[in-house]
């Protein structure tokens, strides 16, 4: 779909209401990771360079429509000012005259939107109240785009709207990965449970050429084929669903890649004694905790012949050694190919970012999405309300 960007708008003398995601970690009142704040810098700078004034809107935590003092964005304002290198004024829920009195390059930060019950209800009245504060609406929070909230959906219908730099970058990367990708396309989907990714798998088998299934999910697919997985994490009640997905993939011409060898152990702890076996040789008292080297070799061979990669989830119990080996090795290969310009690689989802960072591979991926739910829903083929409202 087409959406407007900052380049399509005239900000001269205008107030821009910018929806951002600065839901950053805070300990003892101090922001411990400013990554999400850093990612809004290009949008803020561009608007100001074009002569506009910036009013930031954001949520923090889950106050559920109540005022929760420890979730006030007043605590975040100093960190935002430090990162942006600009004067930032926190504005309480009354808003008052702060907007009319903005001076120079001052940036306003409105109080936590979720203190108002109308935010999560996508309330038209709350959206209108917000809209009176600005002339142009900018959504720079892809991570909140899967929610139809007042600040992501209703307000976009009330003002000229566009995507900020971060949102446009994210949407562009995702379009390249699954919208109009260069083929062959490989998807890596891992994680603990098939049940949380049924829609994802169902959508991907019709869109990609090779689908690598790893983590606990792979155990369910192995079991569905009559393989004994011992004490492994496995959703036996989804065996029929797994077989249906395998059937859909075959019909669509999508190769499903399951473990060709497995790493098993009797204990789930770092440094546990482990052995590499054939997929159908898991002892009754053991757990499958990672894919083996033969699996990694085949995944890497597949990546060598691919043009596009979409990655969500680890291939094994990446949190503890030695069960991070498959994830680390495949991630390193993807990073190497991406750095050489041979592969467009897009990854996202909570555990995914952590796993790729741990593997030292994240910096060389083409694009890493910091969005969790929005990234997954996009991969599932669902329409994201916050994106659709920009069209």
Protein backbone atom coordinates (compact mmCIF):
# COMPACT_ATOMS: atom_id res chain seq x y z
CA UNK A 1 0.00 0.00 0.00
CA UNK A 2 1.04 3.62 -0.45
CA UNK A 3 1.48 5.99 2.45
CA UNK A 4 2.71 9.53 2.73
CA UNK A 5 6.05 10.36 4.34
CA UNK A 6 7.53 13.51 5.86
CA UNK A 7 8.65 14.53 2.37
CA UNK A 8 5.02 14.81 1.25
CA UNK A 9 4.04 17.31 3.95
CA UNK A 10 4.56 21.05 4.43
CA UNK A 11 5.58 21.57 8.04
CA UNK A 12 6.49 25.28 7.80
CA UNK A 13 4.82 27.04 10.73
CA UNK A 14 2.83 23.90 11.56
CA UNK A 15 2.56 21.80 14.71
CA UNK A 16 3.25 18.11 14.18
CA UNK A 17 1.65 15.59 16.51
CA UNK A 18 4.13 12.71 16.43
CA UNK A 19 3.15 9.29 17.81
CA UNK A 20 6.32 7.57 19.02
CA UNK A 21 7.29 4.46 20.95
CA UNK A 22 9.51 5.44 23.87
CA UNK A 23 8.33 2.61 26.11
CA UNK A 24 11.86 2.27 27.47
CA UNK A 25 13.14 0.24 30.46
CA UNK A 26 13.40 2.24 33.68
CA UNK A 27 15.06 1.22 36.94
CA UNK A 28 14.89 3.39 40.07
CA UNK A 29 13.60 6.27 37.97
CA UNK A 30 16.48 6.08 35.48
CA UNK A 31 16.17 5.07 31.81
CA UNK A 32 18.55 2.13 31.31
CA UNK A 33 18.30 1.75 27.52
CA UNK A 34 17.66 4.74 25.22
CA UNK A 35 17.55 2.81 21.93
CA UNK A 36 13.89 3.54 21.25
CA UNK A 37 14.40 7.24 21.94
CA UNK A 38 17.42 7.35 19.63
CA UNK A 39 15.34 5.94 16.78
CA UNK A 40 12.98 8.95 16.74
CA UNK A 41 15.81 11.47 16.21
CA UNK A 42 15.58 11.52 12.36
CA UNK A 43 11.85 12.32 12.46
CA UNK A 44 12.15 15.06 15.08
CA UNK A 45 15.12 16.65 13.31
CA UNK A 46 13.43 16.55 9.89
CA UNK A 47 10.24 18.19 11.10
CA UNK A 48 12.15 20.97 12.83
CA UNK A 49 14.39 21.50 9.79
CA UNK A 50 11.23 21.88 7.70
CA UNK A 51 10.02 24.63 10.04
CA UNK A 52 7.61 22.58 12.12
CA UNK A 53 7.09 22.27 15.86
CA UNK A 54 7.12 18.81 17.45
CA UNK A 55 4.63 17.48 19.98
CA UNK A 56 5.39 13.90 21.03
CA UNK A 57 2.65 11.46 22.02
CA UNK A 58 3.47 8.12 23.61
CA UNK A 59 2.35 5.45 26.04
CA UNK A 60 4.27 3.84 28.85
CA UNK A 61 3.37 0.52 30.45
CA UNK A 62 -0.20 -0.66 30.97
CA UNK A 63 -1.98 1.74 33.35
CA UNK A 64 -5.36 0.62 31.94
CA UNK A 65 -6.97 4.06 31.78
CA UNK A 66 -5.89 5.08 35.27
CA UNK A 67 -3.31 7.63 36.41
CA UNK A 68 -0.37 5.62 37.75
CA UNK A 69 2.31 8.06 38.97
CA UNK A 70 5.25 5.69 38.39
CA UNK A 71 4.15 5.35 34.74
CA UNK A 72 4.18 9.09 34.11
CA UNK A 73 6.22 10.24 31.13
CA UNK A 74 7.52 13.02 33.35
CA UNK A 75 10.17 10.46 34.42
CA UNK A 76 11.17 9.89 30.78
CA UNK A 77 11.35 13.55 29.70
CA UNK A 78 14.95 14.20 30.89
CA UNK A 79 16.24 11.19 28.94
CA UNK A 80 14.35 12.33 25.83
CA UNK A 81 15.91 15.79 26.15
CA UNK A 82 19.39 14.30 26.57
CA UNK A 83 19.07 12.03 23.54
CA UNK A 84 17.47 14.63 21.25
CA UNK A 85 19.78 17.39 22.44
CA UNK A 86 16.74 19.68 22.62
CA UNK A 87 14.65 21.32 25.34
CA UNK A 88 11.80 18.93 26.14
CA UNK A 89 8.80 20.03 28.18
CA UNK A 90 6.57 17.42 29.76
CA UNK A 91 2.89 18.38 29.63
CA UNK A 92 0.44 16.86 32.08
CA UNK A 93 -2.92 15.47 31.02
CA UNK A 94 -4.54 18.92 31.09
CA UNK A 95 -2.30 20.08 28.20
CA UNK A 96 -3.31 23.63 29.08
CA UNK A 97 -1.61 26.44 27.19
CA UNK A 98 1.67 24.61 26.65
CA UNK A 99 1.07 24.10 22.93
CA UNK A 100 0.26 27.74 22.26
CA UNK A 101 3.34 28.83 24.19
CA UNK A 102 5.92 26.63 22.43
CA UNK A 103 9.14 28.51 21.75
CA UNK A 104 12.13 27.97 19.45
CA UNK A 105 13.14 24.33 19.09
CA UNK A 106 11.25 23.26 22.21
CA UNK A 107 9.67 19.81 22.01
CA UNK A 108 6.55 18.94 24.00
CA UNK A 109 6.02 15.49 25.48
CA UNK A 110 2.39 14.80 26.36
CA UNK A 111 1.53 12.73 29.41
CA UNK A 112 1.11 8.95 29.05
CA UNK A 113 -1.77 8.53 26.60
CA UNK A 114 -2.94 5.38 28.35
CA UNK A 115 -3.83 7.35 31.46
CA UNK A 116 -6.95 8.27 29.48
CA UNK A 117 -9.37 5.33 29.01
CA UNK A 118 -10.25 6.71 25.59
CA UNK A 119 -6.81 5.86 24.18
CA UNK A 120 -7.14 2.08 24.11
CA UNK A 121 -10.86 2.31 23.26
CA UNK A 122 -9.99 4.27 20.08
CA UNK A 123 -12.41 6.90 21.39
CA UNK A 124 -13.32 9.54 18.81
CA UNK A 125 -13.70 12.21 21.48
CA UNK A 126 -10.19 11.68 22.86
CA UNK A 127 -8.79 11.61 19.32
CA UNK A 128 -10.49 14.95 18.55
CA UNK A 129 -9.06 16.45 21.72
CA UNK A 130 -5.57 15.37 20.67
CA UNK A 131 -6.13 16.57 17.11
CA UNK A 132 -6.85 20.13 18.28
CA UNK A 133 -3.23 20.34 19.45
CA UNK A 134 -1.67 19.93 16.00
CA UNK A 135 -1.93 20.56 12.28
CA UNK A 136 -0.32 17.37 10.96
CA UNK A 137 -0.27 13.83 12.36
CA UNK A 138 2.90 11.74 12.08
CA UNK A 139 2.99 8.09 13.10
CA UNK A 140 6.53 6.96 13.89
CA UNK A 141 5.55 4.02 16.11
CA UNK A 142 5.31 0.88 13.99
CA UNK A 143 5.46 -1.19 17.19
CA UNK A 144 2.02 0.24 18.14
CA UNK A 145 0.58 0.06 14.61
CA UNK A 146 -1.26 -3.21 15.25
CA UNK A 147 -3.46 -1.47 17.82
CA UNK A 148 -6.49 0.56 16.78
CA UNK A 149 -6.06 3.20 19.47
CA UNK A 150 -7.03 6.88 19.49
CA UNK A 151 -3.42 7.97 18.89
CA UNK A 152 -2.72 5.45 16.13
CA UNK A 153 -5.99 5.09 14.22
CA UNK A 154 -8.78 7.56 15.01
CA UNK A 155 -6.54 10.64 14.96
CA UNK A 156 -5.15 9.72 11.54
CA UNK A 157 -8.65 10.26 10.15
CA UNK A 158 -8.82 13.79 11.57
CA UNK A 159 -5.57 15.41 10.37
CA UNK A 160 -3.32 15.24 7.30
CA UNK A 161 -1.32 12.09 8.15
CA UNK A 162 2.00 10.53 7.22
CA UNK A 163 4.61 8.05 8.37
CA UNK A 164 7.68 9.25 10.22
CA UNK A 165 11.19 8.21 9.18
CA UNK A 166 11.30 5.13 11.43
CA UNK A 167 7.83 3.97 10.40
CA UNK A 168 8.62 4.50 6.69
CA UNK A 169 11.91 2.63 7.07
CA UNK A 170 10.17 -0.26 8.78
CA UNK A 171 7.37 -0.48 6.23
CA UNK A 172 9.84 -0.30 3.37
CA UNK A 173 11.91 -3.14 4.83
CA UNK A 174 8.85 -5.30 5.39
CA UNK A 175 7.56 -4.69 1.87
CA UNK A 176 10.91 -5.84 0.48
CA UNK A 177 10.82 -8.95 2.66
CA UNK A 178 7.33 -10.30 2.00
CA UNK A 179 5.38 -7.81 -0.12
CA UNK A 180 7.43 -7.84 -3.31
CA UNK A 181 10.52 -9.86 -2.35
CA UNK A 182 13.42 -11.02 -4.44
CA UNK A 183 13.22 -14.80 -4.69
CA UNK A 184 13.99 -17.37 -3.46
CA UNK A 185 12.62 -16.36 -0.03
CA UNK A 186 13.54 -18.22 3.16
CA UNK A 187 11.67 -17.80 6.44
CA UNK A 188 13.10 -18.98 9.75
CA UNK A 189 10.44 -19.44 12.42
CA UNK A 190 11.39 -20.72 15.84
CA UNK A 191 10.17 -20.56 19.39
CA UNK A 192 8.53 -22.72 21.95
CA UNK A 193 4.98 -23.30 20.75
CA UNK A 194 3.25 -23.89 17.44
CA UNK A 195 0.00 -22.66 19.01
CA UNK A 196 1.28 -19.07 19.21
CA UNK A 197 2.32 -19.03 15.54
CA UNK A 198 -0.40 -20.91 13.67
CA UNK A 199 -1.51 -17.86 11.67
CA UNK A 200 2.11 -17.04 10.94
CA UNK A 201 2.95 -20.49 9.59
CA UNK A 202 -0.29 -20.66 7.62
CA UNK A 203 0.50 -17.36 5.90
CA UNK A 204 4.17 -18.06 5.24
CA UNK A 205 3.76 -21.40 3.46
CA UNK A 206 1.95 -19.56 0.69
CA UNK A 207 4.52 -16.78 0.42
CA UNK A 208 8.00 -18.25 0.86
CA UNK A 209 10.03 -20.88 -0.95
CA UNK A 210 11.68 -22.45 2.12
CA UNK A 211 10.37 -22.44 5.70
CA UNK A 212 12.78 -23.43 8.47
CA UNK A 213 10.96 -24.52 11.64
CA UNK A 214 13.04 -24.63 14.81
CA UNK A 215 12.86 -24.58 18.59
CA UNK A 216 10.14 -26.40 20.48
CA UNK A 217 7.86 -25.91 17.47
CA UNK A 218 9.97 -28.34 15.45
CA UNK A 219 9.33 -31.05 18.06
CA UNK A 220 5.60 -30.81 17.44
CA UNK A 221 6.15 -31.29 13.70
CA UNK A 222 8.48 -34.24 14.29
CA UNK A 223 5.93 -35.85 16.62
CA UNK A 224 3.21 -35.27 14.04
CA UNK A 225 5.23 -37.48 11.70
CA UNK A 226 5.28 -40.32 14.22
CA UNK A 227 8.69 -39.56 15.74
CA UNK A 228 9.14 -40.09 19.49
CA UNK A 229 10.49 -36.83 20.98
CA UNK A 230 10.96 -38.15 24.53
CA UNK A 231 10.47 -35.50 27.22
CA UNK A 232 10.86 -32.62 24.77
CA UNK A 233 8.58 -29.60 24.81
CA UNK A 234 5.87 -30.65 22.38
CA UNK A 235 2.21 -29.86 21.71
CA UNK A 236 0.95 -33.34 20.87
CA UNK A 237 -2.63 -32.06 20.58
CA UNK A 238 -1.60 -30.03 17.55
CA UNK A 239 -0.30 -32.99 15.55
CA UNK A 240 -3.18 -32.82 13.07
CA UNK A 241 -2.68 -29.06 12.66
CA UNK A 242 1.02 -29.62 11.99
CA UNK A 243 0.17 -32.20 9.33
CA UNK A 244 -2.26 -29.75 7.71
CA UNK A 245 0.49 -27.11 7.54
CA UNK A 246 2.85 -29.65 5.97
CA UNK A 247 0.17 -30.48 3.42
CA UNK A 248 -0.46 -26.80 2.59
CA UNK A 249 3.26 -26.27 2.14
CA UNK A 250 3.53 -29.20 -0.25
CA UNK A 251 0.62 -27.88 -2.30
CA UNK A 252 2.15 -24.39 -2.40
CA UNK A 253 5.59 -25.68 -3.36
CA UNK A 254 7.16 -24.49 -0.10
CA UNK A 255 9.93 -26.67 1.32
CA UNK A 256 9.56 -27.21 5.08
CA UNK A 257 12.96 -27.63 6.71
CA UNK A 258 12.85 -29.56 10.00
CA UNK A 259 15.85 -30.76 12.04
CA UNK A 260 18.01 -33.31 10.20
CA UNK A 261 19.79 -34.04 13.44
CA UNK A 262 19.03 -33.09 17.03
CA UNK A 263 20.95 -32.13 20.16
CA UNK A 264 19.50 -33.79 23.26
CA UNK A 265 20.14 -33.63 26.99
CA UNK A 266 18.62 -34.96 30.20
CA UNK A 267 18.85 -31.61 31.97
CA UNK A 268 17.85 -28.12 30.92
CA UNK A 269 20.79 -26.17 32.26
CA UNK A 270 23.94 -24.48 30.98
CA UNK A 271 26.72 -26.91 30.18
CA UNK A 272 24.46 -29.96 30.50
CA UNK A 273 25.87 -33.14 29.00
CA UNK A 274 24.46 -33.46 25.49
CA UNK A 275 24.71 -35.61 22.38
CA UNK A 276 23.84 -35.23 18.70
CA UNK A 277 21.51 -37.86 17.26
CA UNK A 278 19.26 -38.59 14.31
CA UNK A 279 15.80 -36.95 14.64
CA UNK A 280 14.15 -40.33 15.32
CA UNK A 281 16.68 -41.40 17.98
CA UNK A 282 15.71 -39.20 20.94
CA UNK A 283 15.89 -41.30 24.14
CA UNK A 284 12.68 -41.55 26.12
CA UNK A 285 14.24 -39.73 29.09
CA UNK A 286 15.86 -36.90 27.07
CA UNK A 287 14.81 -33.52 25.65
CA UNK A 288 15.55 -32.04 22.23
CA UNK A 289 17.10 -28.65 22.95
CA UNK A 290 18.72 -27.64 19.67
CA UNK A 291 19.21 -28.55 16.03
CA UNK A 292 22.47 -30.28 15.14
CA UNK A 293 25.31 -29.41 12.75
CA UNK A 294 23.81 -31.29 9.79
CA UNK A 295 20.68 -29.16 10.10
CA UNK A 296 22.74 -25.98 10.26
CA UNK A 297 24.73 -27.05 7.21
CA UNK A 298 21.52 -27.53 5.22
CA UNK A 299 20.04 -24.22 6.43
CA UNK A 300 23.25 -22.43 5.45
CA UNK A 301 23.22 -24.10 2.04
CA UNK A 302 19.63 -22.92 1.58
CA UNK A 303 20.58 -19.38 2.60
CA UNK A 304 23.42 -19.42 0.07
CA UNK A 305 20.86 -19.84 -2.70
CA UNK A 306 18.36 -17.34 -1.31
CA UNK A 307 17.79 -13.64 -2.04
CA UNK A 308 15.52 -12.76 0.88
CA UNK A 309 15.31 -13.93 4.51
CA UNK A 310 12.64 -13.27 7.12
CA UNK A 311 13.56 -14.44 10.63
CA UNK A 312 11.39 -14.78 13.74
CA UNK A 313 12.46 -16.92 16.68
CA UNK A 314 15.48 -19.02 17.70
CA UNK A 315 16.32 -22.52 16.48
CA UNK A 316 16.95 -23.91 19.95
CA UNK A 317 17.18 -23.03 23.64
CA UNK A 318 19.46 -20.12 22.75
CA UNK A 319 19.49 -18.71 26.29
CA UNK A 320 21.90 -21.37 27.54
CA UNK A 321 25.05 -22.99 26.17
CA UNK A 322 25.55 -25.26 24.31
CA UNK A 323 21.99 -25.08 22.99
CA UNK A 324 22.58 -21.73 21.28
CA UNK A 325 24.86 -23.29 18.66
CA UNK A 326 22.38 -23.71 15.79
CA UNK A 327 20.89 -20.23 16.22
CA UNK A 328 24.35 -18.65 16.41
CA UNK A 329 25.71 -20.50 13.38
CA UNK A 330 22.73 -19.86 11.10
CA UNK A 331 22.54 -16.22 12.22
CA UNK A 332 26.26 -15.78 11.48
CA UNK A 333 25.75 -17.16 7.97
CA UNK A 334 22.79 -14.86 7.33
CA UNK A 335 24.80 -11.89 8.60
CA UNK A 336 27.77 -12.79 6.39
CA UNK A 337 25.59 -13.03 3.26
CA UNK A 338 23.77 -9.80 4.13
CA UNK A 339 27.00 -7.90 4.69
CA UNK A 340 28.25 -9.12 1.29
CA UNK A 341 25.09 -7.77 -0.36
CA UNK A 342 23.90 -11.24 -1.36
CA UNK A 343 20.87 -11.43 0.94
CA UNK A 344 18.13 -9.06 2.12
CA UNK A 345 17.53 -10.09 5.73
CA UNK A 346 14.73 -8.80 7.94
CA UNK A 347 14.24 -10.01 11.50
CA UNK A 348 11.95 -9.11 14.34
CA UNK A 349 10.18 -10.21 17.52
CA UNK A 350 11.41 -10.11 21.12
CA UNK A 351 13.41 -13.33 21.41
CA UNK A 352 14.69 -12.89 17.87
CA UNK A 353 16.42 -9.59 18.56
CA UNK A 354 17.94 -10.98 21.76
CA UNK A 355 19.14 -14.12 19.98
CA UNK A 356 20.69 -12.23 17.05
CA UNK A 357 22.39 -9.78 19.40
CA UNK A 358 23.76 -12.69 21.42
CA UNK A 359 25.04 -14.25 18.20
CA UNK A 360 26.76 -10.98 17.28
CA UNK A 361 24.86 -11.02 14.00
CA UNK A 362 22.25 -8.26 14.41
CA UNK A 363 24.39 -5.38 13.10
CA UNK A 364 24.87 -7.04 9.72
CA UNK A 365 21.22 -7.94 9.10
CA UNK A 366 19.57 -5.65 6.54
CA UNK A 367 16.87 -4.62 9.00
CA UNK A 368 16.05 -5.49 12.59
CA UNK A 369 12.53 -4.61 13.70
CA UNK A 370 12.17 -3.66 17.36
CA UNK A 371 8.43 -4.25 17.13
CA UNK A 372 7.01 -7.38 18.73
CA UNK A 373 3.30 -7.85 18.15
CA UNK A 374 3.16 -5.58 15.11
CA UNK A 375 5.97 -7.47 13.38
CA UNK A 376 4.27 -10.81 14.04
CA UNK A 377 0.86 -9.62 12.85
CA UNK A 378 2.44 -8.24 9.69
CA UNK A 379 4.11 -11.64 9.08
CA UNK A 380 0.73 -13.27 9.65
CA UNK A 381 -0.67 -11.21 6.77
CA UNK A 382 -2.99 -9.16 8.95
CA UNK A 383 -3.88 -5.54 8.24
CA UNK A 384 -2.36 -3.20 10.82
CA UNK A 385 -4.86 -0.47 11.77
CA UNK A 386 -2.18 2.16 12.36
CA UNK A 387 -0.72 1.56 8.90
CA UNK A 388 -4.05 1.28 7.11
CA UNK A 389 -5.10 4.66 8.56
CA UNK A 390 -2.17 6.32 6.78
CA UNK A 391 -3.30 5.11 3.36
